[in-house]
Amino acid sequence: MPDHEQASDRRQNPLAGLIAAAQRRWGLRALTWGAGRIAPSPALPTGLLPLDALLHGGLPRGRLTEFLGTPTSGMTTIALMALAHTQARGELAAWFDLRATFDAAYAAACGVDLPALLLVRPPGVIDALELAEALLTSGGVGLVVIDALARTRAAGERALASPALRRLLAAIAPHPGALLALTPLPAARARGHDDALHSPLAQPAALRLHVARQTWEDHGAAPACSVRITVLKRRGGTDGAATVLPLTFPADWEFI
């Protein structure tokens, strides 16, 4: 498509004004443009069939879901695959890179369409919550993933985040976007369900899932493993349900 047609499409997108205002406030590198939207279903499918079956269709829209996992648990990989599936459905998706660890090459290997991804690097967690609210209440975003929302280093900022998070969750409830927070656990707590329950997001999250790698599997050239996903909390349902998800990763990549 010629550049002038792309520019025209962007001006017609309902997020154009929001993105321009956000870039003026937080700088041009705060986020990049993506486009496309479709009518939402009641839940946002991840594209991972055992996980979608466990979740009765996918991530709850208008609600906060929390993934908890140690390094190499597969938590980030699952989130990237869910994000790629959201894009493949024609919905916008955003990744908030609070730890400055986003690996674009690995994300692309997981199927993420990088030119269509809103990559957000806010200066702090309060800014992240405000931006997430703006995106999700616009009605044009299907999935927002915030990496390490519950692991803010500044105690004062963490205290301020509580009312900001309550405002965000109240604002997004009637809207079709899903909010997914990734909470990394220390490597020593690979079996740490009890520790996971003390996450700052335990109360506000409608759905909380613990992700734990079980075994490596031999699938030829591509690395693979089985991952156990356990429901720690499901609002309006029973926790303790679990599924085992087989994951095959891009060849020559370590999974995260």
C-alpha atoms as a PDB file:
ATOM      1  CA  MET A   1       0.000   0.000   0.000  1.00  0.00           C
ATOM      2  CA  PRO A   2       1.386   3.471  -0.892  1.00  0.00           C
ATOM      3  CA  ASP A   3       2.535   5.683   1.976  1.00  0.00           C
ATOM      4  CA  HIS A   4      -0.246   8.246   1.406  1.00  0.00           C
ATOM      5  CA  GLU A   5      -2.908   5.495   1.650  1.00  0.00           C
ATOM      6  CA  GLN A   6      -1.375   4.208   4.886  1.00  0.00           C
ATOM      7  CA  ALA A   7      -1.387   7.736   6.308  1.00  0.00           C
ATOM      8  CA  SER A   8      -5.043   8.128   5.318  1.00  0.00           C
ATOM      9  CA  ASP A   9      -5.950   4.832   7.013  1.00  0.00           C
ATOM     10  CA  ARG A  10      -4.230   5.975  10.177  1.00  0.00           C
ATOM     11  CA  ARG A  11      -6.066   9.286  10.273  1.00  0.00           C
ATOM     12  CA  GLN A  12      -9.372   7.429   9.967  1.00  0.00           C
ATOM     13  CA  ASN A  13      -8.576   5.051  12.807  1.00  0.00           C
ATOM     14  CA  PRO A  14     -10.420   6.039  16.022  1.00  0.00           C
ATOM     15  CA  LEU A  15      -7.192   5.739  18.009  1.00  0.00           C
ATOM     16  CA  ALA A  16      -5.360   8.361  15.942  1.00  0.00           C
ATOM     17  CA  GLY A  17      -6.153  11.275  18.257  1.00  0.00           C
ATOM     18  CA  LEU A  18      -5.414   9.219  21.370  1.00  0.00           C
ATOM     19  CA  ILE A  19      -2.031   8.053  20.060  1.00  0.00           C
ATOM     20  CA  ALA A  20      -1.064  11.568  18.938  1.00  0.00           C
ATOM     21  CA  ALA A  21      -1.976  12.981  22.368  1.00  0.00           C
ATOM     22  CA  ALA A  22      -0.093  10.201  24.162  1.00  0.00           C
ATOM     23  CA  GLN A  23       2.996  10.801  22.023  1.00  0.00           C
ATOM     24  CA  ARG A  24       2.865  14.524  22.776  1.00  0.00           C
ATOM     25  CA  ARG A  25       2.695  13.792  26.509  1.00  0.00           C
ATOM     26  CA  TRP A  26       5.073  10.825  26.810  1.00  0.00           C
ATOM     27  CA  GLY A  27       7.234  11.255  23.697  1.00  0.00           C
ATOM     28  CA  LEU A  28       7.267   9.651  20.248  1.00  0.00           C
ATOM     29  CA  ARG A  29       8.889   6.447  21.517  1.00  0.00           C
ATOM     30  CA  ALA A  30       6.177   5.856  24.122  1.00  0.00           C
ATOM     31  CA  LEU A  31       4.170   3.767  21.663  1.00  0.00           C
ATOM     32  CA  THR A  32       4.016   2.899  17.987  1.00  0.00           C
ATOM     33  CA  TRP A  33       1.051   2.551  15.646  1.00  0.00           C
ATOM     34  CA  GLY A  34      -0.997  -0.514  14.750  1.00  0.00           C
ATOM     35  CA  ALA A  35      -4.419  -0.817  13.123  1.00  0.00           C
ATOM     36  CA  GLY A  36      -7.462  -3.070  12.808  1.00  0.00           C
ATOM     37  CA  ARG A  37     -10.459  -4.112  14.885  1.00  0.00           C
ATOM     38  CA  ILE A  38     -13.312  -6.636  14.770  1.00  0.00           C
ATOM     39  CA  ALA A  39     -16.481  -7.210  16.730  1.00  0.00           C
ATOM     40  CA  PRO A  40     -15.460  -8.897  20.009  1.00  0.00           C
ATOM     41  CA  SER A  41     -16.640 -12.235  21.364  1.00  0.00           C
ATOM     42  CA  PRO A  42     -17.522 -12.614  25.100  1.00  0.00           C
ATOM     43  CA  ALA A  43     -13.987 -13.896  25.833  1.00  0.00           C
ATOM     44  CA  LEU A  44     -10.696 -13.263  24.069  1.00  0.00           C
ATOM     45  CA  PRO A  45      -9.307 -16.591  22.774  1.00  0.00           C
ATOM     46  CA  THR A  46      -5.589 -17.178  23.275  1.00  0.00           C
ATOM     47  CA  GLY A  47      -5.383 -19.637  20.373  1.00  0.00           C
ATOM     48  CA  LEU A  48      -3.976 -22.274  22.768  1.00  0.00           C
ATOM     49  CA  LEU A  49      -6.816 -24.808  22.866  1.00  0.00           C
ATOM     50  CA  PRO A  50      -6.157 -26.456  26.275  1.00  0.00           C
ATOM     51  CA  LEU A  51      -5.830 -23.025  27.894  1.00  0.00           C
ATOM     52  CA  ASP A  52      -8.981 -21.695  26.209  1.00  0.00           C
ATOM     53  CA  ALA A  53     -10.873 -24.786  27.392  1.00  0.00           C
ATOM     54  CA  LEU A  54      -9.675 -24.175  30.957  1.00  0.00           C
ATOM     55  CA  LEU A  55     -10.783 -20.536  30.701  1.00  0.00           C
ATOM     56  CA  HIS A  56     -14.171 -21.319  29.109  1.00  0.00           C
ATOM     57  CA  GLY A  57     -13.272 -19.532  25.903  1.00  0.00           C
ATOM     58  CA  GLY A  58     -10.315 -17.323  26.721  1.00  0.00           C
ATOM     59  CA  LEU A  59      -9.261 -14.266  28.725  1.00  0.00           C
ATOM     60  CA  PRO A  60     -12.197 -12.335  30.231  1.00  0.00           C
ATOM     61  CA  ARG A  61     -12.867  -9.063  28.431  1.00  0.00           C
ATOM     62  CA  GLY A  62     -13.169  -5.914  30.532  1.00  0.00           C
ATOM     63  CA  ARG A  63     -11.294  -7.636  33.367  1.00  0.00           C
ATOM     64  CA  LEU A  64      -7.761  -8.087  34.715  1.00  0.00           C
ATOM     65  CA  THR A  65      -6.050 -11.471  34.323  1.00  0.00           C
ATOM     66  CA  GLU A  66      -2.757 -12.183  36.096  1.00  0.00           C
ATOM     67  CA  PHE A  67      -0.172 -14.759  34.954  1.00  0.00           C
ATOM     68  CA  LEU A  68       2.417 -15.719  37.577  1.00  0.00           C
ATOM     69  CA  GLY A  69       5.558 -17.702  36.773  1.00  0.00           C
ATOM     70  CA  THR A  70       9.263 -18.053  37.404  1.00  0.00           C
ATOM     71  CA  PRO A  71      11.910 -17.432  34.707  1.00  0.00           C
ATOM     72  CA  THR A  72      11.688 -20.074  31.900  1.00  0.00           C
ATOM     73  CA  SER A  73       8.216 -21.123  33.061  1.00  0.00           C
ATOM     74  CA  GLY A  74       6.803 -20.306  29.616  1.00  0.00           C
ATOM     75  CA  MET A  75       4.641 -17.454  30.961  1.00  0.00           C
ATOM     76  CA  THR A  76       5.996 -14.773  28.604  1.00  0.00           C
ATOM     77  CA  THR A  77       5.892 -17.106  25.621  1.00  0.00           C
ATOM     78  CA  ILE A  78       2.223 -17.912  26.272  1.00  0.00           C
ATOM     79  CA  ALA A  79       1.447 -14.190  26.556  1.00  0.00           C
ATOM     80  CA  LEU A  80       3.206 -13.477  23.248  1.00  0.00           C
ATOM     81  CA  MET A  81       1.329 -16.292  21.512  1.00  0.00           C
ATOM     82  CA  ALA A  82      -1.978 -14.975  22.886  1.00  0.00           C
ATOM     83  CA  LEU A  83      -1.044 -11.497  21.661  1.00  0.00           C
ATOM     84  CA  ALA A  84      -0.189 -12.869  18.194  1.00  0.00           C
ATOM     85  CA  HIS A  85      -3.540 -14.687  18.077  1.00  0.00           C
ATOM     86  CA  THR A  86      -5.348 -11.462  18.999  1.00  0.00           C
ATOM     87  CA  GLN A  87      -3.648  -9.694  16.094  1.00  0.00           C
ATOM     88  CA  ALA A  88      -4.465 -12.575  13.738  1.00  0.00           C
ATOM     89  CA  ARG A  89      -8.144 -12.107  14.648  1.00  0.00           C
ATOM     90  CA  GLY A  90      -7.886  -8.492  13.479  1.00  0.00           C
ATOM     91  CA  GLU A  91      -7.815  -6.844  16.902  1.00  0.00           C
ATOM     92  CA  LEU A  92      -5.224  -4.357  18.092  1.00  0.00           C
ATOM     93  CA  ALA A  93      -2.843  -5.446  20.836  1.00  0.00           C
ATOM     94  CA  ALA A  94      -0.389  -3.568  23.078  1.00  0.00           C
ATOM     95  CA  TRP A  95       2.624  -4.674  25.115  1.00  0.00           C
ATOM     96  CA  PHE A  96       3.743  -2.504  28.057  1.00  0.00           C
ATOM     97  CA  ASP A  97       7.486  -3.009  28.522  1.00  0.00           C
ATOM     98  CA  LEU A  98       7.975  -1.854  32.140  1.00  0.00           C
ATOM     99  CA  ARG A  99      11.179  -3.903  32.562  1.00  0.00           C
ATOM    100  CA  ALA A 100      12.711  -2.802  29.238  1.00  0.00           C
ATOM    101  CA  THR A 101      13.182  -6.488  28.363  1.00  0.00           C
ATOM    102  CA  PHE A 102      10.927  -6.829  25.313  1.00  0.00           C
ATOM    103  CA  ASP A 103      12.674  -9.048  22.752  1.00  0.00           C
ATOM    104  CA  ALA A 104      11.293  -8.023  19.375  1.00  0.00           C
ATOM    105  CA  ALA A 105      12.993 -10.857  17.481  1.00  0.00           C
ATOM    106  CA  TYR A 106      11.596 -13.492  19.838  1.00  0.00           C
ATOM    107  CA  ALA A 107       8.142 -11.893  19.728  1.00  0.00           C
ATOM    108  CA  ALA A 108       8.200 -12.054  15.930  1.00  0.00           C
ATOM    109  CA  ALA A 109       9.258 -15.714  16.114  1.00  0.00           C
ATOM    110  CA  CYS A 110       6.181 -16.324  18.296  1.00  0.00           C
ATOM    111  CA  GLY A 111       3.995 -14.864  15.558  1.00  0.00           C
ATOM    112  CA  VAL A 112       3.642 -11.245  16.732  1.00  0.00           C
ATOM    113  CA  ASP A 113       3.128  -8.749  13.896  1.00  0.00           C
ATOM    114  CA  LEU A 114       5.605  -6.117  15.052  1.00  0.00           C
ATOM    115  CA  PRO A 115       4.495  -3.283  12.706  1.00  0.00           C
ATOM    116  CA  ALA A 116       0.929  -3.688  14.047  1.00  0.00           C
ATOM    117  CA  LEU A 117       1.975  -3.878  17.712  1.00  0.00           C
ATOM    118  CA  LEU A 118       1.590  -0.951  20.100  1.00  0.00           C
ATOM    119  CA  LEU A 119       4.821  -1.156  22.101  1.00  0.00           C
ATOM    120  CA  VAL A 120       4.480   1.049  25.177  1.00  0.00           C
ATOM    121  CA  ARG A 121       7.408   2.199  27.333  1.00  0.00           C
ATOM    122  CA  PRO A 122       5.922   4.565  29.936  1.00  0.00           C
ATOM    123  CA  PRO A 123       8.188   6.315  32.459  1.00  0.00           C
ATOM    124  CA  GLY A 124       6.414   4.730  35.441  1.00  0.00           C
ATOM    125  CA  VAL A 125       3.616   2.463  36.580  1.00  0.00           C
ATOM    126  CA  ILE A 126       1.089   5.286  37.102  1.00  0.00           C
ATOM    127  CA  ASP A 127       1.672   6.438  33.525  1.00  0.00           C
ATOM    128  CA  ALA A 128       1.272   2.817  32.411  1.00  0.00           C
ATOM    129  CA  LEU A 129      -2.095   2.510  34.141  1.00  0.00           C
ATOM    130  CA  GLU A 130      -3.322   5.785  32.630  1.00  0.00           C
ATOM    131  CA  LEU A 131      -2.226   4.739  29.151  1.00  0.00           C
ATOM    132  CA  ALA A 132      -3.779   1.284  29.557  1.00  0.00           C
ATOM    133  CA  GLU A 133      -7.060   2.897  30.602  1.00  0.00           C
ATOM    134  CA  ALA A 134      -6.995   5.221  27.587  1.00  0.00           C
ATOM    135  CA  LEU A 135      -6.319   2.361  25.183  1.00  0.00           C
ATOM    136  CA  LEU A 136      -8.872  -0.080  26.619  1.00  0.00           C
ATOM    137  CA  THR A 137     -11.674   2.454  26.961  1.00  0.00           C
ATOM    138  CA  SER A 138     -11.174   3.561  23.342  1.00  0.00           C
ATOM    139  CA  GLY A 139     -12.888   0.362  22.247  1.00  0.00           C
ATOM    140  CA  GLY A 140     -10.233  -0.229  19.602  1.00  0.00           C
ATOM    141  CA  VAL A 141      -7.852  -2.531  21.499  1.00  0.00           C
ATOM    142  CA  GLY A 142      -8.448  -6.241  22.091  1.00  0.00           C
ATOM    143  CA  LEU A 143      -5.535  -7.080  24.429  1.00  0.00           C
ATOM    144  CA  VAL A 144      -3.172  -5.085  26.629  1.00  0.00           C
ATOM    145  CA  VAL A 145      -0.283  -6.988  28.245  1.00  0.00           C
ATOM    146  CA  ILE A 146       1.627  -5.267  31.070  1.00  0.00           C
ATOM    147  CA  ASP A 147       4.899  -6.957  31.969  1.00  0.00           C
ATOM    148  CA  ALA A 148       5.801  -6.873  35.685  1.00  0.00           C
ATOM    149  CA  LEU A 149       3.003  -4.537  36.825  1.00  0.00           C
ATOM    150  CA  ALA A 150       3.113  -6.016  40.356  1.00  0.00           C
ATOM    151  CA  ARG A 151       6.905  -5.716  40.633  1.00  0.00           C
ATOM    152  CA  THR A 152       7.293  -1.931  40.779  1.00  0.00           C
ATOM    153  CA  ARG A 153      10.597  -1.031  42.402  1.00  0.00           C
ATOM    154  CA  ALA A 154       9.552   2.284  43.974  1.00  0.00           C
ATOM    155  CA  ALA A 155       7.437   1.735  47.116  1.00  0.00           C
ATOM    156  CA  GLY A 156       5.830   5.171  46.858  1.00  0.00           C
ATOM    157  CA  GLU A 157       4.799   4.544  43.270  1.00  0.00           C
ATOM    158  CA  ARG A 158       3.404   1.158  44.284  1.00  0.00           C
ATOM    159  CA  ALA A 159       1.227   2.841  46.928  1.00  0.00           C
ATOM    160  CA  LEU A 160      -0.103   5.317  44.371  1.00  0.00           C
ATOM    161  CA  ALA A 161      -0.817   2.505  41.935  1.00  0.00           C
ATOM    162  CA  SER A 162      -3.592   1.030  44.085  1.00  0.00           C
ATOM    163  CA  PRO A 163      -6.238   3.763  43.528  1.00  0.00           C
ATOM    164  CA  ALA A 164      -5.022   4.179  39.943  1.00  0.00           C
ATOM    165  CA  LEU A 165      -5.557   0.457  39.361  1.00  0.00           C
ATOM    166  CA  ARG A 166      -9.042   0.604  40.873  1.00  0.00           C
ATOM    167  CA  ARG A 167      -9.926   3.481  38.546  1.00  0.00           C
ATOM    168  CA  LEU A 168      -8.562   1.545  35.573  1.00  0.00           C
ATOM    169  CA  LEU A 169     -10.549  -1.610  36.357  1.00  0.00           C
ATOM    170  CA  ALA A 170     -13.767   0.341  36.909  1.00  0.00           C
ATOM    171  CA  ALA A 171     -13.279   2.207  33.636  1.00  0.00           C
ATOM    172  CA  ILE A 172     -12.568  -0.838  31.445  1.00  0.00           C
ATOM    173  CA  ALA A 173     -15.393  -3.056  32.787  1.00  0.00           C
ATOM    174  CA  PRO A 174     -17.912  -2.126  30.050  1.00  0.00           C
ATOM    175  CA  HIS A 175     -15.344  -2.292  27.241  1.00  0.00           C
ATOM    176  CA  PRO A 176     -14.293  -5.251  25.071  1.00  0.00           C
ATOM    177  CA  GLY A 177     -10.533  -5.246  25.702  1.00  0.00           C
ATOM    178  CA  ALA A 178      -8.770  -7.749  27.980  1.00  0.00           C
ATOM    179  CA  LEU A 179      -5.997  -6.716  30.388  1.00  0.00           C
ATOM    180  CA  LEU A 180      -3.229  -9.239  31.129  1.00  0.00           C
ATOM    181  CA  ALA A 181      -0.543  -8.613  33.771  1.00  0.00           C
ATOM    182  CA  LEU A 182       2.596 -10.757  33.945  1.00  0.00           C
ATOM    183  CA  THR A 183       3.999 -11.214  37.451  1.00  0.00           C
ATOM    184  CA  PRO A 184       7.491 -12.756  37.537  1.00  0.00           C
ATOM    185  CA  LEU A 185       8.258 -14.888  40.577  1.00  0.00           C
ATOM    186  CA  PRO A 186      11.775 -15.488  41.946  1.00  0.00           C
ATOM    187  CA  ALA A 187      13.418 -18.585  40.499  1.00  0.00           C
ATOM    188  CA  ALA A 188      13.522 -20.215  43.960  1.00  0.00           C
ATOM    189  CA  ARG A 189       9.707 -20.220  44.067  1.00  0.00           C
ATOM    190  CA  ALA A 190       9.049 -22.518  41.136  1.00  0.00           C
ATOM    191  CA  ARG A 191       6.401 -24.313  43.197  1.00  0.00           C
ATOM    192  CA  GLY A 192       5.346 -21.122  44.956  1.00  0.00           C
ATOM    193  CA  HIS A 193       1.547 -21.043  44.868  1.00  0.00           C
ATOM    194  CA  ASP A 194       1.480 -19.713  48.445  1.00  0.00           C
ATOM    195  CA  ASP A 195       3.886 -16.910  47.572  1.00  0.00           C
ATOM    196  CA  ALA A 196       1.915 -16.147  44.429  1.00  0.00           C
ATOM    197  CA  LEU A 197      -1.239 -15.564  46.456  1.00  0.00           C
ATOM    198  CA  HIS A 198       0.448 -12.543  48.081  1.00  0.00           C
ATOM    199  CA  SER A 199       0.815 -10.634  44.802  1.00  0.00           C
ATOM    200  CA  PRO A 200      -0.581  -7.053  44.968  1.00  0.00           C
ATOM    201  CA  LEU A 201      -2.919  -8.045  42.139  1.00  0.00           C
ATOM    202  CA  ALA A 202      -4.508 -10.925  44.067  1.00  0.00           C
ATOM    203  CA  GLN A 203      -7.598  -8.979  45.058  1.00  0.00           C
ATOM    204  CA  PRO A 204      -8.328  -6.854  41.957  1.00  0.00           C
ATOM    205  CA  ALA A 205      -7.679  -9.624  39.386  1.00  0.00           C
ATOM    206  CA  ALA A 206     -10.748 -11.488  38.136  1.00  0.00           C
ATOM    207  CA  LEU A 207      -8.593 -14.414  36.978  1.00  0.00           C
ATOM    208  CA  ARG A 208      -5.174 -15.544  38.227  1.00  0.00           C
ATOM    209  CA  LEU A 209      -3.128 -18.343  36.678  1.00  0.00           C
ATOM    210  CA  HIS A 210       0.087 -19.960  37.879  1.00  0.00           C
ATOM    211  CA  VAL A 211       2.346 -21.115  35.019  1.00  0.00           C
ATOM    212  CA  ALA A 212       4.988 -23.782  35.724  1.00  0.00           C
ATOM    213  CA  ARG A 213       7.175 -25.757  33.347  1.00  0.00           C
ATOM    214  CA  GLN A 214       6.967 -29.515  33.930  1.00  0.00           C
ATOM    215  CA  THR A 215       9.113 -31.459  31.459  1.00  0.00           C
ATOM    216  CA  TRP A 216      11.169 -30.949  28.331  1.00  0.00           C
ATOM    217  CA  GLU A 217      10.034 -32.925  25.295  1.00  0.00           C
ATOM    218  CA  ASP A 218      11.831 -34.026  22.150  1.00  0.00           C
ATOM    219  CA  HIS A 219      10.109 -32.632  19.061  1.00  0.00           C
ATOM    220  CA  GLY A 220      13.074 -32.745  16.726  1.00  0.00           C
ATOM    221  CA  ALA A 221      14.760 -29.433  15.910  1.00  0.00           C
ATOM    222  CA  ALA A 222      12.213 -27.272  17.738  1.00  0.00           C
ATOM    223  CA  PRO A 223      12.466 -27.073  21.558  1.00  0.00           C
ATOM    224  CA  ALA A 224       9.297 -28.149  23.355  1.00  0.00           C
ATOM    225  CA  CYS A 225       8.020 -28.696  26.873  1.00  0.00           C
ATOM    226  CA  SER A 226       4.851 -29.268  28.836  1.00  0.00           C
ATOM    227  CA  VAL A 227       3.546 -26.439  31.003  1.00  0.00           C
ATOM    228  CA  ARG A 228       1.064 -26.840  33.842  1.00  0.00           C
ATOM    229  CA  ILE A 229      -1.386 -23.950  34.215  1.00  0.00           C
ATOM    230  CA  THR A 230      -3.336 -23.795  37.482  1.00  0.00           C
ATOM    231  CA  VAL A 231      -6.246 -21.490  38.267  1.00  0.00           C
ATOM    232  CA  LEU A 232      -5.414 -19.671  41.501  1.00  0.00           C
ATOM    233  CA  LYS A 233      -8.551 -17.520  41.337  1.00  0.00           C
ATOM    234  CA  ARG A 234     -11.546 -17.318  39.036  1.00  0.00           C
ATOM    235  CA  ARG A 235     -14.182 -14.736  39.870  1.00  0.00           C
ATOM    236  CA  GLY A 236     -17.604 -16.384  39.836  1.00  0.00           C
ATOM    237  CA  GLY A 237     -16.078 -19.865  39.534  1.00  0.00           C
ATOM    238  CA  THR A 238     -13.917 -22.445  41.270  1.00  0.00           C
ATOM    239  CA  ASP A 239     -10.163 -22.243  41.561  1.00  0.00           C
ATOM    240  CA  GLY A 240      -7.779 -25.222  41.601  1.00  0.00           C
ATOM    241  CA  ALA A 241      -8.630 -26.360  38.056  1.00  0.00           C
ATOM    242  CA  ALA A 242      -5.573 -27.049  35.907  1.00  0.00           C
ATOM    243  CA  THR A 243      -4.468 -28.092  32.454  1.00  0.00           C
ATOM    244  CA  VAL A 244      -1.211 -29.238  30.882  1.00  0.00           C
ATOM    245  CA  LEU A 245      -0.266 -27.221  27.823  1.00  0.00           C
ATOM    246  CA  PRO A 246       2.257 -28.593  25.295  1.00  0.00           C
ATOM    247  CA  LEU A 247       4.376 -25.755  23.926  1.00  0.00           C
ATOM    248  CA  THR A 248       6.628 -25.935  20.881  1.00  0.00           C
ATOM    249  CA  PHE A 249       8.963 -22.974  20.638  1.00  0.00           C
ATOM    250  CA  PRO A 250      10.678 -21.320  17.680  1.00  0.00           C
ATOM    251  CA  ALA A 251      13.743 -23.327  16.677  1.00  0.00           C
ATOM    252  CA  ASP A 252      17.087 -22.130  18.115  1.00  0.00           C
ATOM    253  CA  TRP A 253      15.351 -19.995  20.791  1.00  0.00           C
ATOM    254  CA  GLU A 254      15.328 -20.408  24.536  1.00  0.00           C
ATOM    255  CA  PHE A 255      11.810 -19.984  25.847  1.00  0.00           C
ATOM    256  CA  ILE A 256      10.894 -17.447  28.539  1.00  0.00           C
END
